[in-house]
Amino acid sequence: SEIDLHLAISHTQLGCTFFALIKYNDAFLEHQAALDIRLHSLEFTDAPISESFNYCAETLCSMENNSDALPLSLHAVHVRKLEFGIRHPAFAHALSVLSKCYQGIHRSSEAFECI
């Protein structure tokens, strides 16, 4: 519902606040809550879901869970490229997170394949 989607936005905002405060566990829980709401309300390839995947991946990277973050990040890059194009800041942010994932698992060169 529309109310649930607004709640997902609030979870995302709170997750970003916790991330900025270096409270990564709390940030991840908020981003996961937003993702859960969006997965129940939207299509898997919708931009808001890719946003949640991207924030979850970014937080997991900061928690040094790069291998768990990688599939989320790859999905976010793919959807953001299709939805926004390669010149959009959302795509650039997704690529930045993807590079962190690959760097964290010592496979940096593989990120070039996604560009």
N, C-alpha and C. Protein backbone atom coordinates (compact mmCIF):
# COMPACT_ATOMS: atom_id res chain seq x y z
N SER A 1 0.84 -1.19 0.00
CA SER A 1 0.00 0.00 0.00
C SER A 1 0.88 1.26 0.00
N GLU A 2 0.26 2.35 -0.29
CA GLU A 2 1.00 3.61 -0.33
C GLU A 2 1.56 4.00 1.04
N ILE A 3 0.83 3.71 2.09
CA ILE A 3 1.30 4.00 3.45
C ILE A 3 2.54 3.17 3.76
N ASP A 4 2.53 1.90 3.35
CA ASP A 4 3.70 1.05 3.57
C ASP A 4 4.91 1.58 2.82
N LEU A 5 4.71 2.05 1.59
CA LEU A 5 5.84 2.58 0.81
C LEU A 5 6.41 3.84 1.45
N HIS A 6 5.54 4.65 2.06
CA HIS A 6 6.04 5.82 2.80
C HIS A 6 6.84 5.38 4.03
N LEU A 7 6.39 4.33 4.66
CA LEU A 7 7.12 3.78 5.81
C LEU A 7 8.49 3.27 5.37
N ALA A 8 8.56 2.67 4.18
CA ALA A 8 9.84 2.20 3.65
C ALA A 8 10.81 3.37 3.45
N ILE A 9 10.29 4.49 3.00
CA ILE A 9 11.13 5.69 2.84
C ILE A 9 11.68 6.12 4.19
N SER A 10 10.83 6.09 5.22
CA SER A 10 11.28 6.47 6.57
C SER A 10 12.36 5.52 7.07
N HIS A 11 12.18 4.23 6.83
CA HIS A 11 13.21 3.26 7.22
C HIS A 11 14.52 3.55 6.49
N THR A 12 14.43 3.88 5.21
CA THR A 12 15.62 4.21 4.43
C THR A 12 16.33 5.43 4.99
N GLN A 13 15.57 6.46 5.29
CA GLN A 13 16.16 7.68 5.84
C GLN A 13 16.82 7.42 7.18
N LEU A 14 16.17 6.64 8.03
CA LEU A 14 16.75 6.31 9.33
C LEU A 14 17.99 5.44 9.15
N GLY A 15 17.95 4.54 8.19
CA GLY A 15 19.12 3.72 7.89
C GLY A 15 20.31 4.58 7.46
N CYS A 16 20.05 5.58 6.64
CA CYS A 16 21.13 6.47 6.20
C CYS A 16 21.68 7.28 7.37
N THR A 17 20.81 7.66 8.29
CA THR A 17 21.25 8.39 9.47
C THR A 17 22.15 7.51 10.33
N PHE A 18 21.72 6.28 10.59
CA PHE A 18 22.55 5.35 11.37
C PHE A 18 23.88 5.08 10.66
N PHE A 19 23.85 4.96 9.34
CA PHE A 19 25.08 4.72 8.58
C PHE A 19 26.05 5.88 8.79
N ALA A 20 25.55 7.10 8.72
CA ALA A 20 26.40 8.28 8.91
C ALA A 20 26.98 8.33 10.33
N LEU A 21 26.26 7.76 11.28
CA LEU A 21 26.72 7.71 12.67
C LEU A 21 27.62 6.49 12.94
N ILE A 22 27.92 5.75 11.89
CA ILE A 22 28.74 4.54 11.95
C ILE A 22 28.10 3.48 12.87
N LYS A 23 26.79 3.42 12.83
CA LYS A 23 26.03 2.39 13.54
C LYS A 23 25.51 1.42 12.48
N TYR A 24 26.42 0.63 11.94
CA TYR A 24 26.13 -0.18 10.76
C TYR A 24 25.08 -1.26 11.01
N ASN A 25 25.10 -1.88 12.17
CA ASN A 25 24.08 -2.91 12.45
C ASN A 25 22.68 -2.31 12.43
N ASP A 26 22.53 -1.16 13.08
CA ASP A 26 21.23 -0.48 13.10
C ASP A 26 20.85 -0.02 11.69
N ALA A 27 21.82 0.48 10.95
CA ALA A 27 21.56 0.92 9.58
C ALA A 27 21.07 -0.24 8.73
N PHE A 28 21.75 -1.38 8.85
CA PHE A 28 21.34 -2.53 8.05
C PHE A 28 19.92 -2.98 8.40
N LEU A 29 19.58 -3.00 9.67
CA LEU A 29 18.22 -3.40 10.07
C LEU A 29 17.17 -2.49 9.46
N GLU A 30 17.44 -1.18 9.43
CA GLU A 30 16.50 -0.23 8.83
C GLU A 30 16.40 -0.41 7.32
N HIS A 31 17.54 -0.58 6.66
CA HIS A 31 17.51 -0.79 5.21
C HIS A 31 16.83 -2.12 4.86
N GLN A 32 17.05 -3.14 5.68
CA GLN A 32 16.39 -4.42 5.47
C GLN A 32 14.89 -4.30 5.66
N ALA A 33 14.46 -3.51 6.65
CA ALA A 33 13.02 -3.29 6.86
C ALA A 33 12.40 -2.60 5.64
N ALA A 34 13.10 -1.61 5.10
CA ALA A 34 12.61 -0.93 3.90
C ALA A 34 12.52 -1.91 2.73
N LEU A 35 13.54 -2.74 2.57
CA LEU A 35 13.56 -3.71 1.49
C LEU A 35 12.40 -4.69 1.63
N ASP A 36 12.16 -5.20 2.82
CA ASP A 36 11.07 -6.15 3.04
C ASP A 36 9.72 -5.55 2.64
N ILE A 37 9.48 -4.31 3.03
CA ILE A 37 8.23 -3.63 2.67
C ILE A 37 8.13 -3.49 1.16
N ARG A 38 9.20 -3.05 0.54
CA ARG A 38 9.18 -2.83 -0.91
C ARG A 38 9.02 -4.13 -1.68
N LEU A 39 9.63 -5.21 -1.21
CA LEU A 39 9.48 -6.49 -1.90
C LEU A 39 8.03 -7.00 -1.87
N HIS A 40 7.28 -6.63 -0.85
CA HIS A 40 5.88 -7.04 -0.76
C HIS A 40 4.96 -6.17 -1.60
N SER A 41 5.42 -4.96 -1.95
CA SER A 41 4.56 -3.99 -2.62
C SER A 41 4.91 -3.72 -4.08
N LEU A 42 6.14 -4.04 -4.48
CA LEU A 42 6.63 -3.64 -5.79
C LEU A 42 7.17 -4.83 -6.57
N GLU A 43 7.49 -4.58 -7.82
CA GLU A 43 8.14 -5.59 -8.65
C GLU A 43 9.63 -5.65 -8.30
N PHE A 44 10.22 -6.81 -8.48
CA PHE A 44 11.62 -7.03 -8.13
C PHE A 44 12.57 -6.08 -8.87
N THR A 45 12.19 -5.64 -10.05
CA THR A 45 13.04 -4.77 -10.85
C THR A 45 12.68 -3.29 -10.74
N ASP A 46 11.85 -2.91 -9.78
CA ASP A 46 11.51 -1.50 -9.59
C ASP A 46 12.65 -0.75 -8.92
N ALA A 47 12.79 0.51 -9.28
CA ALA A 47 13.88 1.35 -8.77
C ALA A 47 13.94 1.42 -7.25
N PRO A 48 12.83 1.56 -6.53
CA PRO A 48 12.94 1.62 -5.06
C PRO A 48 13.55 0.34 -4.45
N ILE A 49 13.29 -0.81 -5.06
CA ILE A 49 13.89 -2.04 -4.55
C ILE A 49 15.39 -2.01 -4.80
N SER A 50 15.80 -1.50 -5.97
CA SER A 50 17.24 -1.40 -6.23
C SER A 50 17.90 -0.44 -5.26
N GLU A 51 17.17 0.61 -4.86
CA GLU A 51 17.71 1.53 -3.85
C GLU A 51 17.97 0.79 -2.54
N SER A 52 17.00 -0.01 -2.11
CA SER A 52 17.17 -0.77 -0.87
C SER A 52 18.30 -1.78 -0.98
N PHE A 53 18.37 -2.48 -2.12
CA PHE A 53 19.48 -3.41 -2.32
C PHE A 53 20.82 -2.68 -2.24
N ASN A 54 20.89 -1.51 -2.86
CA ASN A 54 22.14 -0.75 -2.87
C ASN A 54 22.54 -0.32 -1.47
N TYR A 55 21.58 0.19 -0.70
CA TYR A 55 21.90 0.60 0.67
C TYR A 55 22.25 -0.59 1.56
N CYS A 56 21.55 -1.71 1.38
CA CYS A 56 21.91 -2.91 2.15
C CYS A 56 23.32 -3.36 1.79
N ALA A 57 23.64 -3.35 0.51
CA ALA A 57 24.98 -3.76 0.06
C ALA A 57 26.05 -2.83 0.61
N GLU A 58 25.79 -1.54 0.55
CA GLU A 58 26.77 -0.57 1.05
C GLU A 58 27.02 -0.78 2.54
N THR A 59 25.97 -1.03 3.28
CA THR A 59 26.10 -1.25 4.72
C THR A 59 26.83 -2.56 5.01
N LEU A 60 26.49 -3.61 4.28
CA LEU A 60 27.19 -4.88 4.46
C LEU A 60 28.68 -4.73 4.16
N CYS A 61 29.03 -3.96 3.14
CA CYS A 61 30.45 -3.72 2.85
C CYS A 61 31.13 -3.02 4.03
N SER A 62 30.45 -2.09 4.62
CA SER A 62 31.03 -1.38 5.77
C SER A 62 31.17 -2.30 6.98
N MET A 63 30.37 -3.35 6.99
CA MET A 63 30.46 -4.36 8.06
C MET A 63 31.41 -5.49 7.66
N GLU A 64 32.09 -5.32 6.53
CA GLU A 64 33.04 -6.29 5.99
C GLU A 64 32.39 -7.62 5.62
N ASN A 65 31.15 -7.56 5.18
CA ASN A 65 30.42 -8.72 4.65
C ASN A 65 30.28 -8.56 3.14
N ASN A 66 31.41 -8.39 2.49
CA ASN A 66 31.41 -8.06 1.07
C ASN A 66 30.82 -9.15 0.19
N SER A 67 31.07 -10.39 0.50
CA SER A 67 30.52 -11.47 -0.33
C SER A 67 29.00 -11.53 -0.24
N ASP A 68 28.43 -11.19 0.91
CA ASP A 68 26.97 -11.11 1.04
C ASP A 68 26.42 -9.90 0.30
N ALA A 69 27.20 -8.85 0.24
CA ALA A 69 26.76 -7.62 -0.40
C ALA A 69 26.77 -7.71 -1.92
N LEU A 70 27.67 -8.52 -2.47
CA LEU A 70 27.88 -8.54 -3.92
C LEU A 70 26.61 -8.82 -4.73
N PRO A 71 25.83 -9.86 -4.45
CA PRO A 71 24.63 -10.08 -5.28
C PRO A 71 23.61 -8.95 -5.19
N LEU A 72 23.50 -8.34 -4.02
CA LEU A 72 22.60 -7.20 -3.88
C LEU A 72 23.07 -6.03 -4.73
N SER A 73 24.36 -5.79 -4.69
CA SER A 73 24.94 -4.70 -5.45
C SER A 73 24.81 -4.93 -6.95
N LEU A 74 25.06 -6.13 -7.39
CA LEU A 74 24.93 -6.45 -8.82
C LEU A 74 23.51 -6.19 -9.31
N HIS A 75 22.53 -6.57 -8.52
CA HIS A 75 21.13 -6.32 -8.89
C HIS A 75 20.86 -4.82 -8.96
N ALA A 76 21.34 -4.08 -7.98
CA ALA A 76 21.13 -2.64 -7.97
C ALA A 76 21.75 -1.98 -9.19
N VAL A 77 22.95 -2.37 -9.55
CA VAL A 77 23.61 -1.81 -10.74
C VAL A 77 22.79 -2.11 -11.99
N HIS A 78 22.36 -3.35 -12.13
CA HIS A 78 21.60 -3.75 -13.31
C HIS A 78 20.30 -2.93 -13.44
N VAL A 79 19.53 -2.85 -12.36
CA VAL A 79 18.25 -2.14 -12.40
C VAL A 79 18.46 -0.64 -12.60
N ARG A 80 19.42 -0.07 -11.91
CA ARG A 80 19.64 1.37 -12.05
C ARG A 80 20.14 1.74 -13.44
N LYS A 81 20.90 0.86 -14.06
CA LYS A 81 21.34 1.12 -15.43
C LYS A 81 20.12 1.14 -16.37
N LEU A 82 19.22 0.17 -16.21
CA LEU A 82 18.03 0.11 -17.05
C LEU A 82 17.05 1.25 -16.76
N GLU A 83 16.85 1.54 -15.48
CA GLU A 83 15.86 2.55 -15.09
C GLU A 83 16.31 3.99 -15.33
N PHE A 84 17.59 4.25 -15.07
CA PHE A 84 18.07 5.63 -15.07
C PHE A 84 19.08 5.94 -16.17
N GLY A 85 19.77 4.95 -16.67
CA GLY A 85 20.83 5.18 -17.64
C GLY A 85 22.17 5.37 -16.97
N ILE A 86 23.21 5.34 -17.79
CA ILE A 86 24.57 5.34 -17.24
C ILE A 86 25.06 6.72 -16.80
N ARG A 87 24.32 7.76 -17.08
CA ARG A 87 24.75 9.11 -16.68
C ARG A 87 24.05 9.62 -15.41
N HIS A 88 23.24 8.79 -14.83
CA HIS A 88 22.46 9.20 -13.65
C HIS A 88 23.26 8.98 -12.37
N PRO A 89 23.14 9.89 -11.40
CA PRO A 89 23.87 9.73 -10.12
C PRO A 89 23.53 8.43 -9.38
N ALA A 90 22.30 7.94 -9.52
CA ALA A 90 21.93 6.68 -8.85
C ALA A 90 22.74 5.52 -9.41
N PHE A 91 22.99 5.53 -10.71
CA PHE A 91 23.81 4.48 -11.32
C PHE A 91 25.25 4.61 -10.84
N ALA A 92 25.75 5.84 -10.78
CA ALA A 92 27.13 6.06 -10.31
C ALA A 92 27.29 5.58 -8.87
N HIS A 93 26.30 5.85 -8.03
CA HIS A 93 26.38 5.40 -6.64
C HIS A 93 26.38 3.87 -6.58
N ALA A 94 25.55 3.24 -7.40
CA ALA A 94 25.51 1.78 -7.42
C ALA A 94 26.86 1.20 -7.86
N LEU A 95 27.49 1.82 -8.85
CA LEU A 95 28.81 1.37 -9.28
C LEU A 95 29.85 1.54 -8.18
N SER A 96 29.73 2.62 -7.44
CA SER A 96 30.65 2.86 -6.33
C SER A 96 30.52 1.76 -5.28
N VAL A 97 29.31 1.39 -4.95
CA VAL A 97 29.09 0.32 -3.98
C VAL A 97 29.60 -1.00 -4.53
N LEU A 98 29.34 -1.25 -5.81
CA LEU A 98 29.82 -2.48 -6.42
C LEU A 98 31.35 -2.56 -6.37
N SER A 99 32.00 -1.46 -6.60
CA SER A 99 33.47 -1.48 -6.55
C SER A 99 33.96 -1.80 -5.14
N LYS A 100 33.26 -1.32 -4.12
CA LYS A 100 33.61 -1.66 -2.74
C LYS A 100 33.44 -3.16 -2.49
N CYS A 101 32.36 -3.72 -3.03
CA CYS A 101 32.12 -5.16 -2.86
C CYS A 101 33.25 -5.96 -3.49
N TYR A 102 33.58 -5.65 -4.72
CA TYR A 102 34.64 -6.38 -5.42
C TYR A 102 35.99 -6.18 -4.75
N GLN A 103 36.26 -4.95 -4.32
CA GLN A 103 37.53 -4.68 -3.65
C GLN A 103 37.62 -5.48 -2.35
N GLY A 104 36.51 -5.59 -1.64
CA GLY A 104 36.49 -6.30 -0.37
C GLY A 104 36.72 -7.80 -0.50
N ILE A 105 36.45 -8.35 -1.69
CA ILE A 105 36.69 -9.78 -1.90
C ILE A 105 37.89 -9.98 -2.85
N HIS A 106 38.66 -8.93 -3.03
CA HIS A 106 39.91 -8.97 -3.79
C HIS A 106 39.68 -9.38 -5.25
N ARG A 107 38.61 -8.85 -5.84
CA ARG A 107 38.30 -9.11 -7.25
C ARG A 107 37.98 -7.81 -7.98
N SER A 108 38.74 -6.76 -7.70
CA SER A 108 38.46 -5.43 -8.23
C SER A 108 38.33 -5.40 -9.74
N SER A 109 39.13 -6.16 -10.45
CA SER A 109 39.10 -6.10 -11.91
C SER A 109 37.77 -6.53 -12.50
N GLU A 110 36.99 -7.33 -11.77
CA GLU A 110 35.71 -7.81 -12.29
C GLU A 110 34.63 -6.72 -12.33
N ALA A 111 34.84 -5.65 -11.62
CA ALA A 111 33.87 -4.56 -11.62
C ALA A 111 33.77 -3.91 -13.00
N PHE A 112 34.84 -3.94 -13.77
CA PHE A 112 34.82 -3.31 -15.08
C PHE A 112 33.81 -3.95 -16.02
N GLU A 113 33.52 -5.23 -15.84
CA GLU A 113 32.56 -5.92 -16.69
C GLU A 113 31.16 -5.36 -16.55
N CYS A 114 30.88 -4.69 -15.45
CA CYS A 114 29.53 -4.19 -15.17
C CYS A 114 29.28 -2.78 -15.70
N ILE A 115 30.32 -2.16 -16.18
CA ILE A 115 30.18 -0.77 -16.65
C ILE A 115 29.66 -0.76 -18.07
